[in-house]
């Protein structure tokens, strides 16, 4: 009797447990409803036993030859700087190249540093336009722009004190043509003491620019200055090709040609040296020490790019 009673107790306990499980199952929502109610699936499913991933077995591969890259095609240079030397104080002399044609042209600004800072600003404006419109450069032309031949004077001051280089030299009187150690100052720039240097090409800025020019075959050159005097062709007397370039520039600009002559004696001039090397060259003076005359000089640039000696 005791055995039967124990069996009956176990039977009714099992039936009660099964009923409890059935009630729980009825209360649990379907998986879709559980997800909508943000019920974690781990509550409804047994936890997964973590396993260590088995690394894949490396497969044997056959080496294949990489394709040969295509040959680089020449592209039009869009004005990256080329350092051609350094100033007395160690600042880089930067030339920017545009185009890839066989005819080479050169623009030089900032020979008188911060005193003529607007010529440097003009060079920067012209380079910005050239980067925006590469079509300005004819396919047969490479244009170089030396934005500041006197970066020490540019850094020093935007007035009289910025005209000379770090050695107190006028870089436009340091070239090996008609060079003199001194000159009559009465009708020339004489606001501060300034020299022509101890000898021609004594200054690293002039020497670096000269070597760069001699390493190329320039068909024309414009040197920008300020202010107001006009256009001056290189050479003494003026070189014929330089005079023709001056006339072409004068025809599209408001600059005076021939330029005003106040009686100053010009010695060791950059444009005169360039003309002596067979390079048509002109000095172009902006109208003031503050403005760049950008629209005028955009026309000058377009004319210069298509001008031929």
Protein backbone atom coordinates (compact mmCIF):
# COMPACT_ATOMS: atom_id res chain seq x y z
CA UNK A 1 0.00 0.00 0.00
CA UNK A 2 2.86 2.32 0.78
CA UNK A 3 4.41 1.61 -2.66
CA UNK A 4 1.08 2.42 -4.39
CA UNK A 5 0.73 5.63 -2.40
CA UNK A 6 4.25 6.73 -3.44
CA UNK A 7 3.55 5.95 -7.07
CA UNK A 8 0.31 7.96 -6.96
CA UNK A 9 2.13 10.94 -5.39
CA UNK A 10 4.76 10.96 -8.13
CA UNK A 11 2.07 10.67 -10.81
CA UNK A 12 0.09 13.68 -9.55
CA UNK A 13 3.31 15.72 -9.06
CA UNK A 14 4.33 15.04 -12.71
CA UNK A 15 0.88 16.00 -13.96
CA UNK A 16 1.03 19.27 -12.01
CA UNK A 17 4.49 20.11 -13.44
CA UNK A 18 3.31 19.41 -17.00
CA UNK A 19 0.36 21.73 -16.46
CA UNK A 20 2.65 24.50 -15.27
CA UNK A 21 4.81 24.16 -18.37
CA UNK A 22 1.76 24.32 -20.60
CA UNK A 23 0.60 27.50 -18.85
CA UNK A 24 4.01 29.13 -19.35
CA UNK A 25 4.05 28.15 -23.02
CA UNK A 26 0.65 29.73 -23.51
CA UNK A 27 1.86 32.98 -21.93
CA UNK A 28 5.01 33.31 -24.08
CA UNK A 29 4.48 35.53 -27.18
CA UNK A 30 5.39 34.33 -30.68
CA UNK A 31 8.88 35.36 -31.89
CA UNK A 32 7.53 38.16 -34.10
CA UNK A 33 5.55 39.65 -31.22
CA UNK A 34 8.48 39.26 -28.90
CA UNK A 35 10.66 41.24 -31.28
CA UNK A 36 8.05 43.96 -31.60
CA UNK A 37 7.78 44.15 -27.83
CA UNK A 38 11.61 44.26 -27.58
CA UNK A 39 11.62 40.99 -25.61
CA UNK A 40 15.15 39.59 -25.84
CA UNK A 41 15.30 36.38 -27.86
CA UNK A 42 17.62 34.95 -25.25
CA UNK A 43 14.64 34.86 -22.94
CA UNK A 44 12.79 32.58 -25.36
CA UNK A 45 15.64 30.39 -26.54
CA UNK A 46 18.36 28.52 -24.72
CA UNK A 47 21.72 30.27 -24.58
CA UNK A 48 24.22 29.36 -27.27
CA UNK A 49 27.30 27.61 -26.12
CA UNK A 50 30.30 29.71 -27.27
CA UNK A 51 32.67 27.87 -29.54
CA UNK A 52 36.19 28.77 -30.67
CA UNK A 53 36.20 29.54 -34.43
CA UNK A 54 38.34 27.23 -36.46
CA UNK A 55 40.71 29.16 -38.70
CA UNK A 56 40.24 28.39 -42.37
CA UNK A 57 42.71 26.08 -43.95
CA UNK A 58 44.91 28.11 -46.29
CA UNK A 59 44.40 27.14 -49.86
CA UNK A 60 47.20 26.78 -52.33
CA UNK A 61 47.16 29.64 -54.86
CA UNK A 62 48.95 30.05 -58.11
CA UNK A 63 50.95 33.27 -58.52
CA UNK A 64 49.79 35.42 -61.41
CA UNK A 65 51.72 38.24 -63.04
CA UNK A 66 50.43 41.74 -62.23
CA UNK A 67 49.39 43.81 -65.26
CA UNK A 68 51.97 46.34 -66.41
CA UNK A 69 50.78 49.88 -65.53
CA UNK A 70 50.21 52.13 -68.53
CA UNK A 71 52.93 54.63 -69.34
CA UNK A 72 52.40 58.03 -67.75
CA UNK A 73 51.03 60.61 -70.14
CA UNK A 74 52.35 64.16 -69.97
CA UNK A 75 49.96 66.59 -68.34
CA UNK A 76 49.74 70.36 -68.33
CA UNK A 77 51.47 71.74 -65.27
CA UNK A 78 49.01 73.65 -63.11
CA UNK A 79 51.33 75.87 -61.16
CA UNK A 80 53.33 73.79 -58.71
CA UNK A 81 56.29 75.69 -57.22
CA UNK A 82 59.88 75.09 -58.24
CA UNK A 83 62.53 76.38 -55.84
CA UNK A 84 65.41 77.89 -57.84
CA UNK A 85 67.46 79.20 -54.92
CA UNK A 86 67.22 81.06 -51.63
CA UNK A 87 67.39 84.66 -50.49
CA UNK A 88 70.05 86.13 -48.22
CA UNK A 89 67.89 85.19 -45.21
CA UNK A 90 67.23 81.70 -46.56
CA UNK A 91 63.73 82.19 -47.95
CA UNK A 92 62.90 80.10 -51.04
CA UNK A 93 62.77 81.72 -54.48
CA UNK A 94 59.75 80.07 -56.04
CA UNK A 95 58.90 79.82 -59.73
CA UNK A 96 55.50 78.47 -60.81
CA UNK A 97 55.07 76.69 -64.14
CA UNK A 98 51.94 76.66 -66.30
CA UNK A 99 51.56 74.74 -69.55
CA UNK A 100 53.79 72.31 -71.38
CA UNK A 101 54.55 73.87 -74.75
CA UNK A 102 57.94 74.37 -76.36
CA UNK A 103 57.77 78.19 -76.29
CA UNK A 104 58.90 79.49 -72.90
CA UNK A 105 57.87 82.84 -71.36
CA UNK A 106 58.67 84.39 -67.98
CA UNK A 107 56.99 86.87 -65.61
CA UNK A 108 58.98 88.25 -62.65
CA UNK A 109 57.44 90.17 -59.75
CA UNK A 110 58.60 91.56 -56.44
CA UNK A 111 62.15 92.54 -57.40
CA UNK A 112 61.69 95.44 -54.97
CA UNK A 113 60.07 93.32 -52.27
CA UNK A 114 57.50 94.81 -49.94
CA UNK A 115 57.90 98.32 -51.34
CA UNK A 116 56.26 96.98 -54.52
CA UNK A 117 54.20 94.28 -52.80
CA UNK A 118 51.30 94.83 -55.20
CA UNK A 119 53.33 93.29 -58.02
CA UNK A 120 53.53 90.10 -55.93
CA UNK A 121 49.79 90.30 -55.27
CA UNK A 122 49.24 90.63 -59.02
CA UNK A 123 51.36 87.54 -59.68
CA UNK A 124 49.23 85.60 -57.19
CA UNK A 125 46.00 86.80 -58.84
CA UNK A 126 47.23 85.83 -62.29
CA UNK A 127 48.23 82.37 -61.03
CA UNK A 128 44.80 81.90 -59.47
CA UNK A 129 43.15 82.70 -62.80
CA UNK A 130 45.49 80.35 -64.67
CA UNK A 131 44.58 77.51 -62.32
CA UNK A 132 40.89 78.23 -62.85
CA UNK A 133 41.18 78.43 -66.63
CA UNK A 134 43.96 76.28 -68.06
CA UNK A 135 42.70 77.19 -71.53
CA UNK A 136 44.39 80.59 -71.20
CA UNK A 137 47.74 78.93 -71.91
CA UNK A 138 48.19 78.14 -75.62
CA UNK A 139 49.21 74.54 -76.27
CA UNK A 140 52.61 75.61 -77.58
CA UNK A 141 53.51 77.74 -74.51
CA UNK A 142 55.04 77.12 -71.09
CA UNK A 143 54.72 80.13 -68.78
CA UNK A 144 56.88 80.56 -65.68
CA UNK A 145 56.02 83.06 -62.93
CA UNK A 146 58.62 84.09 -60.36
CA UNK A 147 56.23 85.60 -57.82
CA UNK A 148 58.79 87.33 -55.58
CA UNK A 149 62.46 87.86 -56.41
CA UNK A 150 62.96 89.66 -53.08
CA UNK A 151 61.10 87.65 -50.39
CA UNK A 152 63.19 89.18 -47.59
CA UNK A 153 62.05 92.68 -48.50
CA UNK A 154 58.50 91.38 -48.89
CA UNK A 155 58.60 89.94 -45.36
CA UNK A 156 60.26 93.01 -43.84
CA UNK A 157 57.89 95.85 -44.72
CA UNK A 158 55.34 97.24 -47.16
CA UNK A 159 57.01 100.63 -47.34
CA UNK A 160 60.43 102.12 -48.14
CA UNK A 161 62.12 99.67 -45.78
CA UNK A 162 60.97 96.72 -47.91
CA UNK A 163 62.72 97.80 -51.13
CA UNK A 164 66.23 96.40 -50.64
CA UNK A 165 67.21 92.80 -49.98
CA UNK A 166 68.63 91.71 -46.62
CA UNK A 167 72.05 93.12 -47.57
CA UNK A 168 70.63 96.56 -48.39
CA UNK A 169 71.05 95.97 -52.14
CA UNK A 170 68.71 97.13 -54.91
CA UNK A 171 68.27 93.87 -56.84
CA UNK A 172 67.43 95.83 -59.99
CA UNK A 173 70.94 97.33 -60.01
CA UNK A 174 72.89 94.11 -59.41
CA UNK A 175 72.97 92.68 -62.95
CA UNK A 176 76.10 92.38 -65.10
CA UNK A 177 75.26 94.95 -67.76
CA UNK A 178 76.12 98.65 -67.40
CA UNK A 179 76.73 97.97 -63.70
CA UNK A 180 78.11 100.79 -61.49
CA UNK A 181 78.78 100.76 -57.75
CA UNK A 182 77.01 104.10 -57.37
CA UNK A 183 74.87 106.55 -59.34
CA UNK A 184 73.54 110.07 -59.16
CA UNK A 185 70.60 109.91 -56.71
CA UNK A 186 68.97 113.30 -57.31
CA UNK A 187 66.37 112.08 -59.82
CA UNK A 188 66.31 108.43 -58.72
CA UNK A 189 64.78 106.64 -55.74
CA UNK A 190 66.65 108.04 -52.72
CA UNK A 191 64.36 107.75 -49.69
CA UNK A 192 66.71 105.38 -47.82
CA UNK A 193 70.35 104.32 -48.28
CA UNK A 194 70.60 101.51 -50.84
CA UNK A 195 73.47 100.09 -52.91
CA UNK A 196 74.11 98.17 -56.11
CA UNK A 197 76.09 95.54 -54.20
CA UNK A 198 79.89 95.12 -54.09
CA UNK A 199 79.90 93.67 -57.61
CA UNK A 200 77.45 92.36 -60.24
CA UNK A 201 75.52 89.27 -59.14
CA UNK A 202 76.82 89.65 -55.59
CA UNK A 203 73.32 88.81 -54.31
CA UNK A 204 72.01 85.23 -54.24
CA UNK A 205 68.59 86.29 -55.52
CA UNK A 206 70.01 87.81 -58.73
CA UNK A 207 72.46 84.94 -59.22
CA UNK A 208 69.73 82.30 -58.85
CA UNK A 209 67.37 84.10 -61.23
CA UNK A 210 70.13 84.51 -63.82
CA UNK A 211 71.03 80.81 -63.70
CA UNK A 212 67.39 79.82 -64.03
CA UNK A 213 67.00 82.07 -67.08
CA UNK A 214 70.19 80.76 -68.70
CA UNK A 215 68.96 77.19 -68.18
CA UNK A 216 65.91 77.97 -70.34
CA UNK A 217 65.19 79.42 -73.76
CA UNK A 218 62.81 82.27 -73.04
CA UNK A 219 61.17 84.09 -75.93
CA UNK A 220 59.91 86.97 -73.79
CA UNK A 221 59.98 88.39 -70.28
CA UNK A 222 57.88 90.85 -68.27
CA UNK A 223 59.23 92.34 -65.04
CA UNK A 224 56.53 94.04 -62.93
CA UNK A 225 57.18 97.21 -60.91
CA UNK A 226 55.19 100.07 -59.39
CA UNK A 227 54.24 102.78 -59.83
CA UNK A 228 52.94 105.00 -62.62
CA UNK A 229 55.96 105.49 -64.87
CA UNK A 230 54.77 103.30 -67.74
CA UNK A 231 56.39 100.61 -69.89
CA UNK A 232 60.15 100.41 -70.47
CA UNK A 233 61.74 98.08 -73.04
CA UNK A 234 65.00 96.39 -72.18
CA UNK A 235 68.28 97.49 -73.72
CA UNK A 236 70.14 100.77 -73.84
CA UNK A 237 69.25 101.95 -76.40
CA UNK A 238 66.08 99.82 -76.36
CA UNK A 239 66.34 96.45 -78.06
CA UNK A 240 64.14 96.21 -81.18
CA UNK A 241 62.28 93.05 -80.10
CA UNK A 242 61.80 94.47 -76.59
CA UNK A 243 60.33 97.65 -78.09
CA UNK A 244 57.90 95.55 -80.13
CA UNK A 245 56.78 93.72 -76.99
CA UNK A 246 56.33 97.06 -75.21
CA UNK A 247 54.16 98.34 -78.05
CA UNK A 248 51.99 95.20 -77.98
CA UNK A 249 51.43 95.53 -74.23
CA UNK A 250 50.76 99.26 -74.46
CA UNK A 251 48.08 98.61 -77.10
CA UNK A 252 45.94 96.56 -74.66
CA UNK A 253 46.66 98.49 -71.46
CA UNK A 254 46.37 101.98 -70.06
CA UNK A 255 50.09 102.17 -69.30
CA UNK A 256 52.15 105.00 -70.73
CA UNK A 257 54.54 104.17 -73.56
CA UNK A 258 57.19 105.44 -73.87
CA UNK A 259 57.52 105.60 -70.09
CA UNK A 260 58.17 108.80 -68.18
CA UNK A 261 61.80 109.82 -67.90
CA UNK A 262 62.68 111.96 -64.89
CA UNK A 263 66.40 111.92 -65.63
CA UNK A 264 67.33 108.96 -63.43
CA UNK A 265 70.43 107.02 -64.41
CA UNK A 266 69.53 103.32 -64.60
CA UNK A 267 72.45 100.94 -64.05
CA UNK A 268 72.71 97.16 -63.71
CA UNK A 269 69.07 96.69 -64.74
CA UNK A 270 67.42 93.27 -64.98
CA UNK A 271 65.52 94.00 -68.22
CA UNK A 272 68.67 95.41 -69.85
CA UNK A 273 70.61 92.25 -68.97
CA UNK A 274 67.79 90.06 -70.34
CA UNK A 275 67.81 92.00 -73.63
CA UNK A 276 71.60 91.58 -73.80
CA UNK A 277 70.98 87.80 -73.73
CA UNK A 278 68.63 88.02 -76.72
CA UNK A 279 65.45 87.83 -74.60
CA UNK A 280 62.84 90.51 -75.41
CA UNK A 281 62.11 92.09 -72.03
CA UNK A 282 60.04 94.94 -70.62
CA UNK A 283 59.46 96.61 -67.27
CA UNK A 284 55.74 97.25 -66.65
CA UNK A 285 54.87 99.75 -63.92
CA UNK A 286 51.50 99.41 -62.16
CA UNK A 287 49.54 102.62 -61.65
CA UNK A 288 49.92 102.80 -57.84
CA UNK A 289 51.70 101.04 -54.97
CA UNK A 290 48.41 99.56 -53.74
CA UNK A 291 46.42 98.28 -56.74
CA UNK A 292 47.14 95.29 -58.97
CA UNK A 293 45.32 96.53 -62.10
CA UNK A 294 44.19 92.92 -62.48
CA UNK A 295 41.79 93.35 -65.41
CA UNK A 296 44.38 95.38 -67.33
CA UNK A 297 47.06 92.80 -66.69
CA UNK A 298 44.82 89.92 -67.60
CA UNK A 299 44.71 91.50 -71.08
CA UNK A 300 48.47 92.00 -70.90
CA UNK A 301 48.88 88.31 -70.04
CA UNK A 302 46.69 87.16 -72.92
CA UNK A 303 48.65 89.35 -75.30
CA UNK A 304 52.00 88.17 -73.93
CA UNK A 305 51.06 84.50 -74.26
CA UNK A 306 50.34 84.94 -77.98
CA UNK A 307 53.09 87.42 -78.78
CA UNK A 308 56.03 86.27 -80.89
CA UNK A 309 59.40 87.99 -81.32
